[in-house]
Protein backbone atom coordinates (compact mmCIF):
# COMPACT_ATOMS: atom_id res chain seq x y z
CA MET A 1 14.18 22.13 -7.26
CA ASN A 2 15.12 23.38 -3.81
CA PHE A 3 16.45 21.42 -0.82
CA THR A 4 16.29 22.67 2.76
CA ILE A 5 17.67 20.90 5.82
CA GLU A 6 15.34 21.43 8.78
CA ALA A 7 17.04 19.37 11.50
CA ARG A 8 20.16 17.30 12.15
CA ASP A 9 20.85 14.43 14.51
CA ALA A 10 23.52 15.27 17.08
CA HIS A 11 24.92 11.71 17.21
CA SER A 12 25.07 10.81 13.50
CA HIS A 13 24.89 12.38 10.06
CA ALA A 14 21.13 11.93 9.80
CA ARG A 15 19.15 14.96 8.70
CA ALA A 16 15.53 15.86 8.08
CA GLY A 17 14.85 18.04 5.08
CA VAL A 18 12.43 19.12 2.39
CA ILE A 19 12.83 18.86 -1.38
CA GLN A 20 10.54 21.30 -3.17
CA THR A 21 9.60 20.44 -6.76
CA ASP A 22 7.05 21.85 -9.16
CA HIS A 23 4.83 18.85 -8.37
CA GLY A 24 5.03 19.32 -4.63
CA ARG A 25 7.00 18.95 -1.44
CA ILE A 26 9.01 15.83 -0.54
CA SER A 27 9.86 15.40 3.14
CA THR A 28 13.14 13.61 3.74
CA PRO A 29 14.32 11.04 4.54
CA VAL A 30 12.04 9.51 1.92
CA PHE A 31 11.39 6.08 0.45
CA MET A 32 10.22 6.00 -3.17
CA PRO A 33 7.98 3.09 -4.19
CA VAL A 34 9.13 1.61 -7.49
CA GLY A 35 6.61 2.15 -10.28
CA THR A 36 8.73 0.65 -13.05
CA ALA A 37 6.17 0.74 -15.88
CA ALA A 38 4.14 3.76 -14.69
CA THR A 39 2.46 1.65 -12.02
CA VAL A 40 3.43 0.29 -8.63
CA LYS A 41 2.74 -3.43 -8.91
CA ALA A 42 -0.31 -4.93 -7.20
CA ILE A 43 -1.70 -1.68 -5.80
CA HIS A 44 -4.43 0.65 -7.03
CA HIS A 45 -3.62 4.36 -7.31
CA LYS A 46 -6.35 5.14 -4.77
CA ASP A 47 -4.68 2.93 -2.16
CA LEU A 48 -1.25 4.28 -3.06
CA GLU A 49 -2.45 7.86 -2.58
CA GLU A 50 -4.72 7.39 0.43
CA SER A 51 -3.11 4.57 2.43
CA VAL A 52 0.59 4.40 1.50
CA ARG A 53 0.93 8.17 0.94
CA PRO A 54 4.44 8.37 -0.57
CA GLY A 55 5.93 11.77 -1.33
CA ILE A 56 7.38 10.59 -4.65
CA ILE A 57 7.43 7.45 -6.80
CA LEU A 58 9.97 6.08 -9.27
CA GLY A 59 9.57 5.07 -12.91
CA ASN A 60 12.10 3.44 -15.21
CA THR A 61 13.38 4.88 -18.46
CA TYR A 62 14.29 1.54 -20.05
CA HIS A 63 10.88 -0.02 -19.48
CA LEU A 64 8.85 3.07 -20.34
CA TYR A 65 10.89 3.63 -23.50
CA LEU A 66 10.13 0.10 -24.71
CA ARG A 67 6.51 0.07 -23.58
CA PRO A 68 4.32 2.08 -24.05
CA GLY A 69 7.01 4.18 -25.77
CA THR A 70 7.98 7.78 -25.15
CA GLU A 71 5.81 9.08 -27.98
CA VAL A 72 2.69 7.72 -26.27
CA ILE A 73 3.70 9.36 -22.98
CA HIS A 74 4.44 12.60 -24.79
CA GLN A 75 1.02 12.59 -26.48
CA ALA A 76 -0.57 12.05 -23.07
CA GLY A 77 1.14 15.17 -21.74
CA GLY A 78 3.94 13.55 -19.75
CA ILE A 79 4.23 10.81 -17.18
CA HIS A 80 2.09 12.56 -14.54
CA ARG A 81 -0.91 12.89 -16.81
CA PHE A 82 -0.36 9.49 -18.42
CA MET A 83 -0.54 7.65 -15.10
CA SER A 84 -2.83 10.15 -13.30
CA TRP A 85 -0.26 10.91 -10.60
CA SER A 86 0.01 14.51 -9.37
CA LYS A 87 3.00 14.17 -7.03
CA PRO A 88 6.72 14.13 -7.96
CA VAL A 89 8.24 11.36 -10.07
CA LEU A 90 11.87 10.28 -10.45
CA THR A 91 13.08 8.23 -13.42
CA ASP A 92 16.06 5.89 -13.27
CA SER A 93 18.10 6.22 -16.46
CA GLY A 94 18.00 2.53 -17.37
CA GLY A 95 21.65 1.94 -16.49
CA TYR A 96 20.78 -0.78 -13.99
CA GLN A 97 18.53 -2.56 -16.49
CA VAL A 98 21.31 -2.46 -19.06
CA TYR A 99 23.61 -3.92 -16.39
CA SER A 100 21.15 -6.75 -15.79
CA LEU A 101 20.90 -7.52 -19.53
CA SER A 102 24.53 -8.58 -19.85
CA GLU A 103 23.64 -11.25 -22.41
CA ARG A 104 21.72 -8.80 -24.58
CA ARG A 105 23.89 -5.68 -24.65
CA LYS A 106 27.19 -4.28 -25.92
CA LEU A 107 28.95 -1.36 -24.25
CA SER A 108 31.07 1.23 -26.04
CA ALA A 109 32.11 4.84 -25.58
CA ASP A 110 29.05 5.82 -27.63
CA GLY A 111 26.60 4.14 -25.27
CA VAL A 112 24.89 0.78 -25.02
CA ARG A 113 23.39 -1.26 -27.83
CA PHE A 114 20.88 -3.76 -26.51
CA GLN A 115 18.08 -6.07 -27.48
CA SER A 116 14.62 -5.57 -26.04
CA HIS A 117 13.62 -8.25 -23.56
CA ILE A 118 10.09 -7.93 -25.02
CA ASP A 119 10.55 -8.58 -28.74
CA GLY A 120 14.29 -8.78 -29.40
CA SER A 121 14.37 -5.47 -31.29
CA ARG A 122 17.68 -3.57 -31.22
CA HIS A 123 18.18 -0.16 -29.64
CA LEU A 124 20.91 2.32 -28.69
CA PHE A 125 21.03 4.19 -25.40
CA SER A 126 23.57 7.00 -25.64
CA PRO A 127 23.87 9.66 -22.91
CA GLU A 128 22.19 12.16 -25.22
CA ARG A 129 19.40 9.76 -26.11
CA VAL A 130 18.72 8.94 -22.47
CA MET A 131 18.42 12.66 -21.66
CA ASP A 132 16.01 13.15 -24.56
CA ILE A 133 13.91 10.18 -23.46
CA GLN A 134 13.71 11.38 -19.85
CA ARG A 135 12.87 14.89 -20.99
CA MET A 136 9.97 13.42 -22.95
CA ILE A 137 8.84 11.16 -20.11
CA GLY A 138 8.75 14.27 -17.94
CA ALA A 139 9.88 13.16 -14.47
CA ASP A 140 10.75 15.85 -11.94
CA ILE A 141 14.12 14.23 -11.18
CA ILE A 142 16.02 12.40 -13.89
CA MET A 143 19.19 10.34 -13.59
CA ALA A 144 22.40 10.54 -15.57
CA PHE A 145 23.23 7.49 -17.70
CA ASP A 146 25.78 5.26 -15.97
CA GLU A 147 27.16 1.76 -15.96
CA CYS A 148 26.43 -0.20 -12.80
CA THR A 149 29.42 -2.40 -12.01
CA PRO A 150 28.76 -5.97 -10.85
CA TYR A 151 30.01 -7.38 -7.56
CA PRO A 152 32.61 -8.65 -7.36
CA CYS A 153 34.65 -7.05 -10.12
CA ASP A 154 38.36 -6.43 -10.51
CA ARG A 155 39.89 -3.04 -9.97
CA GLN A 156 40.66 -2.35 -13.63
CA TYR A 157 37.09 -3.07 -14.67
CA ALA A 158 35.78 -0.82 -11.89
CA ARG A 159 38.10 2.03 -12.94
CA ASP A 160 37.24 1.71 -16.64
CA SER A 161 33.54 1.58 -15.80
CA MET A 162 33.82 4.64 -13.57
CA GLN A 163 35.61 6.60 -16.29
CA LEU A 164 32.94 5.59 -18.79
CA THR A 165 30.25 6.78 -16.37
CA HIS A 166 32.08 10.10 -15.95
CA ASP A 167 32.42 10.53 -19.72
CA TRP A 168 28.74 9.79 -20.17
CA LEU A 169 27.91 12.25 -17.38
CA ARG A 170 29.71 15.07 -19.20
CA ARG A 171 27.61 14.35 -22.27
CA CYS A 172 24.42 14.05 -20.19
CA CYS A 173 25.03 17.43 -18.58
CA ARG A 174 25.69 19.09 -21.92
CA ARG A 175 22.54 17.65 -23.52
CA PHE A 176 20.44 18.43 -20.45
CA ASP A 177 21.63 22.04 -20.36
CA GLU A 178 21.05 22.50 -24.09
CA SER A 179 17.50 21.12 -23.98
CA ASN A 180 14.23 22.12 -22.39
CA GLY A 181 11.40 20.23 -20.78
CA HIS A 182 8.22 19.59 -22.74
CA TYR A 183 5.52 20.25 -20.18
CA GLY A 184 6.10 23.64 -18.55
CA TYR A 185 7.72 22.51 -15.29
CA SER A 186 11.34 22.14 -14.26
CA GLN A 187 13.39 18.95 -14.19
CA SER A 188 16.55 18.24 -12.20
CA LEU A 189 19.47 16.03 -13.21
CA PHE A 190 21.23 13.85 -10.62
CA PRO A 191 24.69 12.39 -11.42
CA ILE A 192 25.57 8.95 -10.03
CA VAL A 193 28.69 8.02 -8.06
CA GLN A 194 30.27 4.70 -9.10
CA GLY A 195 33.57 2.97 -8.27
CA SER A 196 32.44 -0.43 -6.99
CA THR A 197 33.90 -1.26 -3.55
CA PHE A 198 37.29 0.44 -4.01
CA HIS A 199 37.83 3.35 -1.63
CA ASP A 200 40.01 5.45 -3.89
CA LEU A 201 37.67 5.01 -6.87
CA ARG A 202 34.62 5.89 -4.81
CA ARG A 203 36.41 8.98 -3.51
CA GLU A 204 37.48 10.02 -7.01
CA SER A 205 33.98 9.51 -8.38
CA ALA A 206 32.32 11.39 -5.50
CA GLU A 207 34.67 14.33 -6.01
CA HIS A 208 34.02 14.31 -9.76
CA ILE A 209 30.25 14.21 -9.28
CA SER A 210 30.36 16.96 -6.65
CA ALA A 211 32.24 19.22 -9.06
CA CYS A 212 29.35 19.00 -11.54
CA GLU A 213 27.27 21.13 -9.15
CA ARG A 214 23.91 19.59 -9.96
CA GLU A 215 20.84 19.95 -7.73
CA GLY A 216 21.25 16.53 -6.14
CA ASN A 217 23.50 13.48 -6.28
CA ALA A 218 23.05 9.73 -6.28
CA ILE A 219 25.11 6.76 -5.14
CA GLY A 220 24.90 3.76 -7.47
CA GLY A 221 26.53 0.37 -7.79
CA LEU A 222 25.72 -0.77 -4.24
CA SER A 223 23.28 -3.40 -2.97
CA VAL A 224 24.37 -5.60 -5.89
CA GLY A 225 25.56 -8.53 -3.79
CA GLU A 226 28.25 -7.03 -1.56
CA PRO A 227 28.06 -7.54 2.24
CA ALA A 228 26.04 -4.90 4.08
CA GLU A 229 29.13 -3.75 5.97
CA ILE A 230 30.87 -2.87 2.71
CA MET A 231 27.77 -1.05 1.46
CA TYR A 232 27.76 1.04 4.65
CA GLU A 233 31.48 1.68 4.35
CA MET A 234 31.17 2.94 0.77
CA THR A 235 28.08 5.00 1.61
CA GLU A 236 29.78 6.67 4.56
CA LEU A 237 32.81 7.55 2.44
CA VAL A 238 30.76 9.00 -0.40
CA CYS A 239 28.43 10.96 1.89
CA SER A 240 31.47 12.57 3.54
CA ILE A 241 32.41 14.02 0.13
CA LEU A 242 29.12 14.84 -1.58
CA PRO A 243 27.85 18.39 -0.89
CA ASP A 244 26.07 18.62 2.44
CA HIS A 245 23.46 21.09 1.19
CA LYS A 246 22.15 18.83 -1.60
CA PRO A 247 20.01 15.69 -1.37
CA ARG A 248 21.77 12.32 -1.50
CA TYR A 249 20.01 9.38 -3.11
CA LEU A 250 21.18 5.80 -2.44
CA MET A 251 19.86 3.75 -5.34
CA GLY A 252 18.24 0.33 -4.92
CA VAL A 253 18.49 0.09 -1.10
CA GLY A 254 17.14 -1.85 0.74
CA THR A 255 15.86 -3.61 3.88
CA PRO A 256 14.28 -1.50 6.66
CA ALA A 257 17.49 -1.93 8.68
CA ASN A 258 19.59 -0.82 5.67
CA LEU A 259 17.51 2.35 5.42
CA LEU A 260 18.00 3.33 9.06
CA GLU A 261 21.74 2.63 8.95
CA CYS A 262 22.14 4.72 5.78
CA ILE A 263 20.01 7.57 7.08
CA ALA A 264 22.51 7.73 9.95
CA LEU A 265 25.29 8.04 7.35
CA GLY A 266 23.65 11.05 5.67
CA VAL A 267 21.41 9.59 2.94
CA ASP A 268 18.11 11.36 2.18
CA MET A 269 16.42 9.29 -0.57
CA PHE A 270 15.91 5.57 -1.18
CA ASP A 271 14.14 3.22 -3.57
CA CYS A 272 13.89 -0.55 -3.70
CA VAL A 273 11.62 -3.25 -5.12
CA MET A 274 11.94 -5.25 -1.88
CA PRO A 275 8.70 -4.17 -0.16
CA THR A 276 6.57 -4.87 -3.24
CA ARG A 277 8.39 -7.96 -4.53
CA ASN A 278 8.57 -9.57 -1.10
CA ALA A 279 4.90 -8.72 -0.49
CA ARG A 280 3.88 -10.62 -3.60
CA ASN A 281 5.78 -13.63 -2.21
CA GLY A 282 4.17 -13.44 1.23
CA MET A 283 6.87 -11.67 3.25
CA LEU A 284 5.66 -8.86 5.52
CA PHE A 285 7.77 -6.29 7.34
CA THR A 286 6.22 -5.34 10.69
CA GLY A 287 7.13 -3.44 13.82
CA GLU A 288 7.51 -6.77 15.61
CA GLY A 289 9.67 -8.47 12.99
CA ILE A 290 9.53 -10.19 9.61
CA ILE A 291 6.63 -12.55 8.84
CA ASN A 292 6.35 -15.20 6.13
CA ILE A 293 2.57 -15.18 5.97
CA LYS A 294 2.53 -18.48 4.04
CA ASN A 295 3.78 -20.38 7.08
CA LYS A 296 1.24 -22.62 8.82
CA GLN A 297 1.89 -20.92 12.17
CA TRP A 298 -0.39 -18.05 11.05
CA GLN A 299 -3.32 -20.29 10.09
CA ASN A 300 -5.21 -19.62 13.35
CA ASP A 301 -3.65 -16.26 14.25
CA PHE A 302 -6.52 -13.78 14.23
CA SER A 303 -4.44 -10.84 15.42
CA LEU A 304 -4.09 -7.85 13.09
CA LEU A 305 -1.34 -7.79 10.45
CA ASP A 306 0.61 -5.13 12.33
CA PRO A 307 -1.00 -3.54 15.40
CA ALA A 308 1.43 -0.60 15.15
CA GLY A 309 0.79 -0.09 11.43
CA SER A 310 -1.10 2.90 10.08
CA SER A 311 -2.62 1.62 6.84
CA PHE A 312 -6.25 0.52 6.62
CA VAL A 313 -5.19 -3.08 5.90
CA ASP A 314 -3.26 -3.19 9.19
CA LYS A 315 -6.41 -2.26 11.09
CA ARG A 316 -8.78 -4.49 9.12
CA TYR A 317 -7.28 -7.88 8.22
CA SER A 318 -5.94 -10.70 10.36
CA ARG A 319 -2.84 -12.75 9.71
CA ALA A 320 -5.01 -15.86 9.41
CA TYR A 321 -7.10 -14.23 6.68
CA LEU A 322 -4.08 -13.06 4.69
CA ARG A 323 -2.51 -16.52 4.95
CA HIS A 324 -5.76 -17.99 3.63
CA LEU A 325 -5.70 -15.65 0.62
CA PHE A 326 -2.16 -16.70 -0.28
CA ALA A 327 -2.94 -20.40 0.23
CA ALA A 328 -6.02 -20.04 -2.01
CA GLY A 329 -4.09 -18.16 -4.70
CA GLU A 330 -6.37 -15.14 -4.44
CA MET A 331 -5.12 -11.88 -6.00
CA LEU A 332 -6.26 -9.95 -2.95
CA GLY A 333 -3.46 -11.53 -0.87
CA PRO A 334 -0.54 -9.88 -2.71
CA MET A 335 -2.54 -6.63 -2.92
CA ILE A 336 -3.06 -6.44 0.85
CA ALA A 337 0.56 -7.41 1.51
CA THR A 338 1.80 -4.75 -0.94
CA ILE A 339 -0.22 -1.98 0.72
CA HIS A 340 1.04 -3.10 4.10
CA ASN A 341 4.75 -3.30 3.16
CA LEU A 342 4.80 0.00 1.28
CA ARG A 343 3.04 1.80 4.11
CA PHE A 344 5.47 0.21 6.58
CA TYR A 345 8.43 1.61 4.63
CA VAL A 346 6.90 5.07 4.24
CA GLN A 347 5.85 5.14 7.90
CA LEU A 348 9.37 4.10 8.94
CA MET A 349 10.77 7.11 7.06
CA GLU A 350 8.18 9.41 8.63
CA GLU A 351 9.10 8.16 12.09
CA ALA A 352 12.83 8.50 11.38
CA ARG A 353 12.25 12.09 10.29
CA GLN A 354 10.29 12.85 13.47
CA GLN A 355 12.99 11.29 15.65
CA ILE A 356 15.66 13.42 13.94
CA ILE A 357 13.61 16.56 14.56
CA GLN A 358 13.08 15.60 18.21
CA GLY A 359 16.78 14.80 18.70
CA THR A 360 16.11 11.15 19.61
CA PHE A 361 17.06 9.40 16.35
CA ALA A 362 20.13 7.54 17.64
CA THR A 363 18.31 6.02 20.63
CA TRP A 364 15.26 5.13 18.56
CA LYS A 365 17.41 3.54 15.82
CA ALA A 366 19.21 1.35 18.39
CA GLN A 367 15.86 0.13 19.69
CA MET A 368 14.39 -0.48 16.23
CA LEU A 369 17.18 -2.45 14.55
CA PRO A 370 16.79 -5.71 16.53
CA ARG A 371 13.03 -5.66 15.90
CA LEU A 372 13.36 -4.92 12.18
CA THR A 373 15.72 -7.87 11.60
CA ARG A 374 13.89 -10.44 13.79
CA ARG A 375 12.06 -13.26 12.00
CA LEU A 376 8.79 -14.26 13.62
């Protein structure tokens, strides 16, 4: 993997770059649609490729390990062949899913023992095991195994969790370096900064992760319930420490406004279930503001979903028609909304990149934020 910075914003820490992988080029800043189980929910691959056009998508180690199982993916020739996706893929290590299964897991220095949410079977995720699983899945970028701290948490818990994450990282790096990929292309390992919302812990973790000298770095443990201002504060601190010449990935973030604010702080990569999950519940992000398409006010609105949008659904369907589909319980409603929201996120990143290159990012961001947060 290679990362090149092509332009910087003069009034913030925003930058436009390119990540080159064996499965293709990723222009940054970039939003990665979440394809948890080797599919992005409620959207056909054809529409994902031709209308949304993301540079990379995300899969999840925990879910893919449980179903269909890594042996099935291995027999298929890796995740790209299994899901018929030719562009880059990133896999989350499963640390967040383990965090969310607090009633079904037990942490120790060895790793995490947990029960499957599918059938109750028992499993162990150790740092070494997670590296082996991600090697077999075959993503281009794989994540180190970490513990995601809840919010709020006390300082001692946050410190102990951070130390555990650092210990696991050492073991992840060793296993990764001792092993090889299965499919003839390279994989890159990203460590994850933790430390909850404590400045000194975040600084210590960022310095520790930077010293590992991996090809990219991630920021975890944010967007878990803390106020946005604290998320920005922690992100700014960590970005000031992580190496400037390597991509920075803020995990699980966020709203369109969150993305622009964090691009300005120096983040290059994002993922979040918000555009797809909210789409399935009738919430649309548009250039004019946020729409709850289920509301009666759209019943006789025959204007296009988003006149400034660039997906085929934006140019084809009216708000009245989409509201009708949701009211009638038709599957097509969530599908159209998903295409729209994902394309909106990807297009927002493309526009941010262009504004950085043109030197107008700061002015454009100031104009966009009130529109992105307005509810129509």
